[in-house]
Amino acid sequence: MNYALQPLKKYADFSGRARRKEFWLYYLCFMVATIIVTIFDMVVGTYDYQYSVGLFYVIFSLGVFIPTLAVSVRRLHDTDRRGWWYLLIFIPILGGLALLVLFCLNGTEGPNRFGPDPKTETVEDLQPA
């Protein structure tokens, strides 16, 4: 669970690298939280069926926008690519598929131009001081 919360601890840290485990566990928790917030919107009555969005979902999305962007950029850094590759998201369909492939690739072994290999860090390194 520590890996899933790591991007929230590094809220706006775009430097360094994020291993696949950190990225996908964060994304899994993000998707589960999105479902829970959407259900909450429906129960409370703040969900707009015409636009398929709710008040609490909008607030939640604004709160996690920066950490989601940051962990995505760090994930690209782990594959030795600049964060600007994330702009592929604006290419319909193909951009999202290309990013999915890049996010699934194994990171470069050993240090690269963006920092040391995150797989060499121990669990103790992730614990708050």
N, C-alpha and C. Protein backbone atom coordinates (compact mmCIF):
# COMPACT_ATOMS: atom_id res chain seq x y z
N MET A 1 0.83 -1.19 0.00
CA MET A 1 0.00 0.00 0.00
C MET A 1 0.87 1.25 0.00
N ASN A 2 2.10 1.11 0.49
CA ASN A 2 3.00 2.26 0.54
C ASN A 2 3.30 2.77 -0.87
N TYR A 3 3.44 1.85 -1.82
CA TYR A 3 3.71 2.26 -3.19
C TYR A 3 2.54 3.03 -3.78
N ALA A 4 1.32 2.66 -3.42
CA ALA A 4 0.13 3.32 -3.95
C ALA A 4 0.02 4.76 -3.44
N LEU A 5 0.49 5.01 -2.23
CA LEU A 5 0.39 6.35 -1.64
C LEU A 5 1.62 7.20 -1.89
N GLN A 6 2.68 6.59 -2.43
CA GLN A 6 3.92 7.32 -2.68
C GLN A 6 3.71 8.56 -3.56
N PRO A 7 2.92 8.48 -4.65
CA PRO A 7 2.71 9.69 -5.46
C PRO A 7 2.03 10.83 -4.71
N LEU A 8 1.19 10.50 -3.72
CA LEU A 8 0.56 11.57 -2.94
C LEU A 8 1.55 12.23 -2.00
N LYS A 9 2.54 11.45 -1.55
CA LYS A 9 3.58 12.03 -0.71
C LYS A 9 4.51 12.93 -1.53
N LYS A 10 4.70 12.55 -2.80
CA LYS A 10 5.50 13.35 -3.73
C LYS A 10 4.54 14.16 -4.59
N TYR A 11 3.68 14.92 -3.99
CA TYR A 11 2.53 15.56 -4.64
C TYR A 11 2.86 16.20 -5.98
N ALA A 12 3.83 17.07 -6.03
CA ALA A 12 4.16 17.78 -7.27
C ALA A 12 5.62 17.57 -7.64
N ASP A 13 6.16 16.40 -7.36
CA ASP A 13 7.56 16.10 -7.66
C ASP A 13 7.63 15.45 -9.03
N PHE A 14 8.09 16.20 -10.02
CA PHE A 14 8.18 15.70 -11.38
C PHE A 14 9.56 15.15 -11.69
N SER A 15 10.48 15.22 -10.74
CA SER A 15 11.83 14.73 -10.98
C SER A 15 11.97 13.32 -10.41
N GLY A 16 12.93 12.60 -10.93
CA GLY A 16 13.16 11.24 -10.48
C GLY A 16 12.42 10.23 -11.32
N ARG A 17 12.30 9.03 -10.75
CA ARG A 17 11.73 7.91 -11.49
C ARG A 17 10.67 7.22 -10.64
N ALA A 18 9.69 6.62 -11.31
CA ALA A 18 8.65 5.84 -10.63
C ALA A 18 8.60 4.46 -11.28
N ARG A 19 8.76 3.45 -10.49
CA ARG A 19 8.71 2.10 -11.04
C ARG A 19 7.28 1.71 -11.39
N ARG A 20 7.15 0.64 -12.15
CA ARG A 20 5.83 0.20 -12.59
C ARG A 20 4.90 -0.08 -11.42
N LYS A 21 5.42 -0.69 -10.39
CA LYS A 21 4.60 -1.04 -9.22
C LYS A 21 3.97 0.21 -8.60
N GLU A 22 4.76 1.25 -8.43
CA GLU A 22 4.25 2.50 -7.86
C GLU A 22 3.18 3.10 -8.76
N PHE A 23 3.46 3.15 -10.06
CA PHE A 23 2.53 3.76 -11.01
C PHE A 23 1.21 3.01 -11.05
N TRP A 24 1.24 1.69 -11.23
CA TRP A 24 0.00 0.93 -11.41
C TRP A 24 -0.79 0.79 -10.12
N LEU A 25 -0.13 0.69 -8.97
CA LEU A 25 -0.87 0.64 -7.71
C LEU A 25 -1.55 1.98 -7.43
N TYR A 26 -0.87 3.07 -7.75
CA TYR A 26 -1.49 4.39 -7.61
C TYR A 26 -2.70 4.49 -8.53
N TYR A 27 -2.53 4.06 -9.77
CA TYR A 27 -3.61 4.16 -10.74
C TYR A 27 -4.79 3.28 -10.33
N LEU A 28 -4.53 2.10 -9.78
CA LEU A 28 -5.61 1.22 -9.30
C LEU A 28 -6.38 1.90 -8.18
N CYS A 29 -5.66 2.48 -7.21
CA CYS A 29 -6.33 3.19 -6.12
C CYS A 29 -7.10 4.40 -6.64
N PHE A 30 -6.56 5.08 -7.63
CA PHE A 30 -7.23 6.22 -8.24
C PHE A 30 -8.55 5.78 -8.87
N MET A 31 -8.54 4.68 -9.59
CA MET A 31 -9.76 4.21 -10.25
C MET A 31 -10.81 3.76 -9.22
N VAL A 32 -10.39 3.06 -8.17
CA VAL A 32 -11.32 2.64 -7.12
C VAL A 32 -11.92 3.87 -6.43
N ALA A 33 -11.08 4.85 -6.13
CA ALA A 33 -11.57 6.08 -5.49
C ALA A 33 -12.53 6.83 -6.42
N THR A 34 -12.27 6.81 -7.71
CA THR A 34 -13.16 7.45 -8.67
C THR A 34 -14.54 6.81 -8.65
N ILE A 35 -14.57 5.49 -8.61
CA ILE A 35 -15.85 4.77 -8.56
C ILE A 35 -16.60 5.09 -7.27
N ILE A 36 -15.87 5.09 -6.16
CA ILE A 36 -16.50 5.38 -4.86
C ILE A 36 -17.05 6.80 -4.84
N VAL A 37 -16.29 7.77 -5.33
CA VAL A 37 -16.74 9.17 -5.33
C VAL A 37 -17.95 9.34 -6.25
N THR A 38 -17.94 8.65 -7.38
CA THR A 38 -19.08 8.73 -8.31
C THR A 38 -20.34 8.14 -7.68
N ILE A 39 -20.21 7.00 -7.01
CA ILE A 39 -21.36 6.40 -6.31
C ILE A 39 -21.85 7.34 -5.22
N PHE A 40 -20.92 7.95 -4.48
CA PHE A 40 -21.29 8.91 -3.45
C PHE A 40 -22.06 10.08 -4.04
N ASP A 41 -21.59 10.58 -5.20
CA ASP A 41 -22.31 11.65 -5.88
C ASP A 41 -23.74 11.23 -6.22
N MET A 42 -23.92 10.01 -6.67
CA MET A 42 -25.25 9.53 -7.04
C MET A 42 -26.16 9.42 -5.81
N VAL A 43 -25.59 8.93 -4.72
CA VAL A 43 -26.38 8.76 -3.48
C VAL A 43 -26.78 10.10 -2.90
N VAL A 44 -25.85 11.04 -2.89
CA VAL A 44 -26.11 12.36 -2.30
C VAL A 44 -27.01 13.20 -3.20
N GLY A 45 -26.96 12.93 -4.49
CA GLY A 45 -27.79 13.68 -5.42
C GLY A 45 -27.07 14.80 -6.14
N THR A 46 -25.75 14.80 -6.09
CA THR A 46 -24.99 15.85 -6.77
C THR A 46 -24.49 15.38 -8.13
N TYR A 47 -24.93 14.22 -8.58
CA TYR A 47 -24.51 13.68 -9.88
C TYR A 47 -25.43 14.20 -10.97
N ASP A 48 -24.87 14.72 -12.03
CA ASP A 48 -25.64 15.22 -13.17
C ASP A 48 -25.61 14.16 -14.26
N TYR A 49 -26.73 13.50 -14.50
CA TYR A 49 -26.79 12.41 -15.47
C TYR A 49 -26.64 12.92 -16.90
N GLN A 50 -26.98 14.15 -17.15
CA GLN A 50 -26.85 14.69 -18.50
C GLN A 50 -25.38 14.80 -18.90
N TYR A 51 -24.53 15.25 -17.96
CA TYR A 51 -23.11 15.43 -18.24
C TYR A 51 -22.24 14.31 -17.67
N SER A 52 -22.84 13.36 -16.98
CA SER A 52 -22.13 12.22 -16.37
C SER A 52 -20.99 12.67 -15.47
N VAL A 53 -21.26 13.63 -14.61
CA VAL A 53 -20.25 14.14 -13.69
C VAL A 53 -20.96 14.61 -12.42
N GLY A 54 -20.25 14.52 -11.31
CA GLY A 54 -20.80 14.97 -10.04
C GLY A 54 -19.90 15.99 -9.37
N LEU A 55 -20.44 16.68 -8.40
CA LEU A 55 -19.70 17.73 -7.70
C LEU A 55 -18.46 17.18 -6.99
N PHE A 56 -18.64 16.09 -6.24
CA PHE A 56 -17.51 15.54 -5.48
C PHE A 56 -16.47 14.91 -6.40
N TYR A 57 -16.91 14.40 -7.54
CA TYR A 57 -15.97 13.87 -8.53
C TYR A 57 -15.09 14.99 -9.08
N VAL A 58 -15.68 16.13 -9.35
CA VAL A 58 -14.91 17.27 -9.87
C VAL A 58 -13.88 17.72 -8.83
N ILE A 59 -14.30 17.81 -7.58
CA ILE A 59 -13.38 18.21 -6.51
C ILE A 59 -12.26 17.19 -6.36
N PHE A 60 -12.62 15.90 -6.38
CA PHE A 60 -11.62 14.83 -6.29
C PHE A 60 -10.64 14.90 -7.47
N SER A 61 -11.16 15.09 -8.67
CA SER A 61 -10.31 15.14 -9.86
C SER A 61 -9.32 16.30 -9.81
N LEU A 62 -9.79 17.44 -9.34
CA LEU A 62 -8.89 18.59 -9.22
C LEU A 62 -7.80 18.33 -8.18
N GLY A 63 -8.15 17.59 -7.13
CA GLY A 63 -7.18 17.29 -6.08
C GLY A 63 -6.10 16.31 -6.50
N VAL A 64 -6.41 15.39 -7.38
CA VAL A 64 -5.43 14.37 -7.77
C VAL A 64 -4.83 14.62 -9.15
N PHE A 65 -5.17 15.72 -9.79
CA PHE A 65 -4.64 16.01 -11.12
C PHE A 65 -3.12 16.11 -11.12
N ILE A 66 -2.56 16.92 -10.23
CA ILE A 66 -1.11 17.14 -10.17
C ILE A 66 -0.37 15.85 -9.82
N PRO A 67 -0.76 15.10 -8.76
CA PRO A 67 0.00 13.87 -8.48
C PRO A 67 -0.11 12.83 -9.59
N THR A 68 -1.24 12.77 -10.28
CA THR A 68 -1.38 11.83 -11.38
C THR A 68 -0.45 12.21 -12.53
N LEU A 69 -0.39 13.48 -12.83
CA LEU A 69 0.52 13.96 -13.87
C LEU A 69 1.97 13.72 -13.47
N ALA A 70 2.30 13.97 -12.21
CA ALA A 70 3.67 13.81 -11.73
C ALA A 70 4.12 12.36 -11.77
N VAL A 71 3.27 11.42 -11.32
CA VAL A 71 3.67 10.02 -11.34
C VAL A 71 3.77 9.51 -12.78
N SER A 72 2.97 10.05 -13.67
CA SER A 72 3.06 9.66 -15.09
C SER A 72 4.38 10.14 -15.69
N VAL A 73 4.77 11.35 -15.38
CA VAL A 73 6.05 11.88 -15.88
C VAL A 73 7.21 11.09 -15.29
N ARG A 74 7.15 10.78 -13.99
CA ARG A 74 8.23 9.99 -13.38
C ARG A 74 8.29 8.59 -13.97
N ARG A 75 7.13 8.03 -14.34
CA ARG A 75 7.10 6.70 -14.98
C ARG A 75 7.79 6.76 -16.34
N LEU A 76 7.54 7.83 -17.09
CA LEU A 76 8.23 8.00 -18.37
C LEU A 76 9.74 8.18 -18.15
N HIS A 77 10.11 8.87 -17.09
CA HIS A 77 11.53 9.02 -16.76
C HIS A 77 12.17 7.66 -16.51
N ASP A 78 11.44 6.75 -15.90
CA ASP A 78 11.99 5.43 -15.61
C ASP A 78 12.31 4.68 -16.90
N THR A 79 11.58 4.96 -17.96
CA THR A 79 11.86 4.33 -19.26
C THR A 79 12.83 5.17 -20.08
N ASP A 80 13.48 6.14 -19.44
CA ASP A 80 14.48 7.02 -20.05
C ASP A 80 13.88 7.90 -21.15
N ARG A 81 12.68 8.37 -20.91
CA ARG A 81 12.02 9.31 -21.82
C ARG A 81 11.66 10.57 -21.05
N ARG A 82 11.66 11.69 -21.74
CA ARG A 82 11.29 12.95 -21.11
C ARG A 82 9.79 12.98 -20.83
N GLY A 83 9.39 13.80 -19.88
CA GLY A 83 7.98 13.93 -19.53
C GLY A 83 7.13 14.50 -20.63
N TRP A 84 7.75 15.16 -21.59
CA TRP A 84 7.00 15.74 -22.71
C TRP A 84 6.29 14.67 -23.53
N TRP A 85 6.73 13.42 -23.42
CA TRP A 85 6.06 12.32 -24.11
C TRP A 85 4.61 12.19 -23.64
N TYR A 86 4.30 12.70 -22.47
CA TYR A 86 2.93 12.62 -21.96
C TYR A 86 1.95 13.40 -22.84
N LEU A 87 2.46 14.33 -23.63
CA LEU A 87 1.60 15.08 -24.53
C LEU A 87 0.98 14.20 -25.62
N LEU A 88 1.45 12.97 -25.75
CA LEU A 88 0.82 12.01 -26.67
C LEU A 88 -0.65 11.79 -26.31
N ILE A 89 -1.01 12.08 -25.09
CA ILE A 89 -2.39 11.88 -24.63
C ILE A 89 -3.38 12.69 -25.48
N PHE A 90 -2.91 13.75 -26.12
CA PHE A 90 -3.79 14.60 -26.91
C PHE A 90 -4.05 14.06 -28.32
N ILE A 91 -3.36 12.99 -28.69
CA ILE A 91 -3.62 12.35 -29.98
C ILE A 91 -4.72 11.31 -29.74
N PRO A 92 -5.88 11.48 -30.36
CA PRO A 92 -6.99 10.56 -30.09
C PRO A 92 -6.61 9.10 -30.36
N ILE A 93 -7.00 8.26 -29.47
CA ILE A 93 -6.86 6.80 -29.49
C ILE A 93 -5.40 6.36 -29.54
N LEU A 94 -4.67 6.70 -30.59
CA LEU A 94 -3.29 6.24 -30.74
C LEU A 94 -2.37 6.77 -29.65
N GLY A 95 -2.58 8.00 -29.21
CA GLY A 95 -1.75 8.57 -28.16
C GLY A 95 -1.92 7.84 -26.84
N GLY A 96 -3.18 7.53 -26.50
CA GLY A 96 -3.44 6.78 -25.28
C GLY A 96 -2.86 5.38 -25.33
N LEU A 97 -2.96 4.74 -26.47
CA LEU A 97 -2.39 3.39 -26.63
C LEU A 97 -0.87 3.43 -26.55
N ALA A 98 -0.26 4.44 -27.16
CA ALA A 98 1.20 4.57 -27.10
C ALA A 98 1.66 4.79 -25.66
N LEU A 99 0.94 5.62 -24.91
CA LEU A 99 1.31 5.84 -23.51
C LEU A 99 1.11 4.57 -22.68
N LEU A 100 0.06 3.83 -22.95
CA LEU A 100 -0.16 2.57 -22.25
C LEU A 100 1.03 1.63 -22.45
N VAL A 101 1.51 1.54 -23.67
CA VAL A 101 2.68 0.70 -23.96
C VAL A 101 3.90 1.22 -23.21
N LEU A 102 4.12 2.54 -23.24
CA LEU A 102 5.28 3.12 -22.55
C LEU A 102 5.21 2.90 -21.05
N PHE A 103 4.01 3.01 -20.48
CA PHE A 103 3.85 2.80 -19.04
C PHE A 103 4.08 1.34 -18.65
N CYS A 104 3.84 0.43 -19.58
CA CYS A 104 4.01 -1.00 -19.29
C CYS A 104 5.44 -1.48 -19.49
N LEU A 105 6.25 -0.72 -20.20
CA LEU A 105 7.64 -1.12 -20.44
C LEU A 105 8.42 -1.18 -19.13
N ASN A 106 9.38 -2.08 -19.10
CA ASN A 106 10.28 -2.16 -17.96
C ASN A 106 11.19 -0.94 -17.96
N GLY A 107 11.49 -0.41 -16.81
CA GLY A 107 12.38 0.75 -16.70
C GLY A 107 13.81 0.37 -17.01
N THR A 108 14.63 1.36 -17.28
CA THR A 108 16.04 1.09 -17.54
C THR A 108 16.70 0.61 -16.28
N GLU A 109 17.54 -0.41 -16.42
CA GLU A 109 18.24 -0.95 -15.25
C GLU A 109 19.40 -0.03 -14.90
N GLY A 110 19.59 0.16 -13.62
CA GLY A 110 20.65 1.03 -13.16
C GLY A 110 20.25 2.49 -13.31
N PRO A 111 21.17 3.38 -12.97
CA PRO A 111 20.84 4.80 -13.07
C PRO A 111 20.72 5.25 -14.52
N ASN A 112 19.86 6.22 -14.75
CA ASN A 112 19.78 6.87 -16.06
C ASN A 112 19.85 8.38 -15.83
N ARG A 113 19.59 9.16 -16.85
CA ARG A 113 19.75 10.62 -16.73
C ARG A 113 18.75 11.26 -15.78
N PHE A 114 17.74 10.50 -15.34
CA PHE A 114 16.72 11.05 -14.45
C PHE A 114 16.89 10.63 -13.00
N GLY A 115 17.88 9.79 -12.73
CA GLY A 115 18.13 9.40 -11.35
C GLY A 115 18.47 7.93 -11.20
N PRO A 116 18.64 7.50 -9.95
CA PRO A 116 18.99 6.10 -9.69
C PRO A 116 17.80 5.17 -9.96
N ASP A 117 18.11 3.91 -10.12
CA ASP A 117 17.08 2.89 -10.36
C ASP A 117 16.19 2.77 -9.12
N PRO A 118 14.87 2.99 -9.25
CA PRO A 118 13.99 2.91 -8.08
C PRO A 118 13.84 1.49 -7.53
N LYS A 119 14.20 0.48 -8.31
CA LYS A 119 14.11 -0.89 -7.81
C LYS A 119 15.20 -1.21 -6.81
N THR A 120 16.26 -0.42 -6.78
CA THR A 120 17.33 -0.66 -5.83
C THR A 120 17.04 -0.06 -4.47
N GLU A 121 16.00 0.79 -4.39
CA GLU A 121 15.61 1.35 -3.10
C GLU A 121 14.98 0.26 -2.24
N THR A 122 15.21 0.34 -0.96
CA THR A 122 14.61 -0.62 -0.05
C THR A 122 13.31 -0.09 0.50
N VAL A 123 12.57 -0.93 1.16
CA VAL A 123 11.30 -0.52 1.76
C VAL A 123 11.54 0.53 2.83
N GLU A 124 12.69 0.47 3.51
CA GLU A 124 13.01 1.44 4.55
C GLU A 124 13.19 2.83 3.97
N ASP A 125 13.64 2.92 2.70
CA ASP A 125 13.82 4.22 2.06
C ASP A 125 12.48 4.91 1.82
N LEU A 126 11.42 4.13 1.72
CA LEU A 126 10.09 4.68 1.44
C LEU A 126 9.36 5.11 2.71
N GLN A 127 9.84 4.69 3.88
CA GLN A 127 9.20 5.05 5.13
C GLN A 127 9.47 6.51 5.46
N PRO A 128 8.45 7.24 5.96
CA PRO A 128 8.70 8.64 6.34
C PRO A 128 9.64 8.72 7.52
N ALA A 129 10.44 9.77 7.53
CA ALA A 129 11.44 9.94 8.61
C ALA A 129 10.80 10.44 9.88
